[in-house]
Protein backbone atom coordinates (compact mmCIF):
# COMPACT_ATOMS: atom_id res chain seq x y z
CA MET A 1 5.78 -7.24 12.89
CA HIS A 2 3.90 -4.38 11.23
CA ILE A 3 3.22 -3.01 7.77
CA LYS A 4 4.26 0.44 6.65
CA LYS A 5 2.52 1.64 3.65
CA THR A 6 3.52 4.68 1.49
CA ILE A 7 0.94 5.97 -1.15
CA GLU A 8 1.98 8.52 -3.84
CA GLU A 9 -0.28 9.86 -6.42
CA ILE A 10 1.70 10.36 -9.42
CA ASP A 11 -1.13 12.10 -11.33
CA GLU A 12 -4.99 11.86 -11.40
CA THR A 13 -4.84 8.26 -12.71
CA HIS A 14 -1.49 6.64 -11.46
CA ILE A 15 -0.66 5.61 -7.97
CA ARG A 16 2.58 4.22 -6.57
CA MET A 17 2.08 2.30 -3.30
CA VAL A 18 5.04 0.77 -1.40
CA ILE A 19 4.45 -1.79 1.32
CA GLU A 20 7.14 -2.67 3.73
CA VAL A 21 6.83 -5.53 6.32
CA ILE A 22 9.02 -4.45 9.32
CA ASP A 23 10.10 -6.70 12.14
CA ALA A 24 12.04 -4.99 15.01
CA GLU A 25 13.36 -2.05 12.98
CA ARG A 26 14.23 -4.36 10.07
CA VAL A 27 12.66 -4.46 6.83
CA ARG A 28 11.61 -8.02 5.91
CA GLY A 29 10.06 -7.46 2.71
CA ARG A 30 9.10 -4.78 0.22
CA ARG A 31 6.41 -4.67 -2.47
CA THR A 32 5.84 -1.82 -4.82
CA TYR A 33 2.46 -1.45 -6.58
CA ASN A 34 2.04 0.72 -9.74
CA LEU A 35 -1.76 1.23 -9.86
CA VAL A 36 -4.04 2.88 -12.35
CA LYS A 37 -7.34 4.12 -11.45
CA SER A 38 -10.07 6.30 -13.07
CA PRO A 39 -10.20 9.98 -12.15
CA THR A 40 -13.39 9.49 -10.19
CA GLN A 41 -12.12 6.39 -8.18
CA ASN A 42 -10.94 6.83 -4.56
CA THR A 43 -7.11 6.23 -4.12
CA ASP A 44 -7.68 4.49 -0.84
CA GLU A 45 -10.18 2.03 -2.33
CA VAL A 46 -7.85 1.15 -5.13
CA CYS A 47 -5.02 0.62 -2.83
CA ARG A 48 -7.12 -1.39 -0.43
CA GLU A 49 -8.17 -3.73 -3.28
CA ALA A 50 -4.61 -4.25 -4.38
CA CYS A 51 -3.37 -5.17 -0.88
CA PRO A 52 -5.93 -5.37 1.64
CA GLU A 53 -3.41 -6.84 4.47
CA ALA A 54 -1.76 -3.40 4.40
CA PHE A 55 -5.04 -1.84 5.59
CA ALA A 56 -5.86 -4.42 8.29
CA GLU A 57 -6.30 -3.02 11.92
CA ALA A 58 -3.65 -5.50 13.13
CA PHE A 59 -1.00 -7.55 11.47
CA ALA A 60 -0.57 -10.99 12.77
CA SER A 61 3.03 -12.37 12.69
């Protein structure tokens, strides 16, 4: 299993992050995060706080 993440910056304060858990080419689960940040915050940091497992080096099944 692995995690695929898609991060889209809607504007300077809104982010959409989609996390998919994939097992052998099949999507096992999907979560969508609609996040708000200040213009000075780092997008990756905000996303990492919302879903740290999506940023882990290895995903254990």
